[in-house]
Amino acid sequence: MTATELQTTAKENGIETKPETQIHTHMCYSEFTDIIPAIDDMDADVITFEASRSDLVILDSLRENNFETEVGPGVYDIHSPRVPSVEEIVTVLKKMLTKIDRRKLWVNPDCGLKTRGVPETQASLKNMVEAARILREIV
């Protein structure tokens, strides 16, 4: 379904959308590198990927395939109760920026926050937001 079809379907069901509505999708745990061109052909504005547990390997495939869609590779693994430090997330973001244009990079955790408790989720997200703020100042 394209973004236009989604907006049309929404309107048919009484849901109001705006022209500036962005379509986001997420993909978990897959051999993404095998299907990068097909993913880029989807009519999404932003695609988030599980990426931290695979050591960000997908970033090379995105670059090799001239991936055009904006992308949010997960910056930390939510499957561990460990709270990533601001410095750790800054390091990951810097690595991402060597392979993804900063205008196309979205900052987000890997999927699955529902598996974590509120205190660790809040602390992790707070650190992620601070890391993004730091990078925006230096990039």
Foldseek 3Di string as FASTA:
>chain_A
DAPVVVCVVCVVVVHHDDPPDFFEEEDEDDPVLVCQVVVLPHRGQEYEYAAVVVVNPVLVSCQVVVRDHQYEYAQDELVDLDADALVSSLVSVVVSVVRDPPVRYDYHHGDDNVVYDDVSVVRNVVSSVVSVVVVVVVD
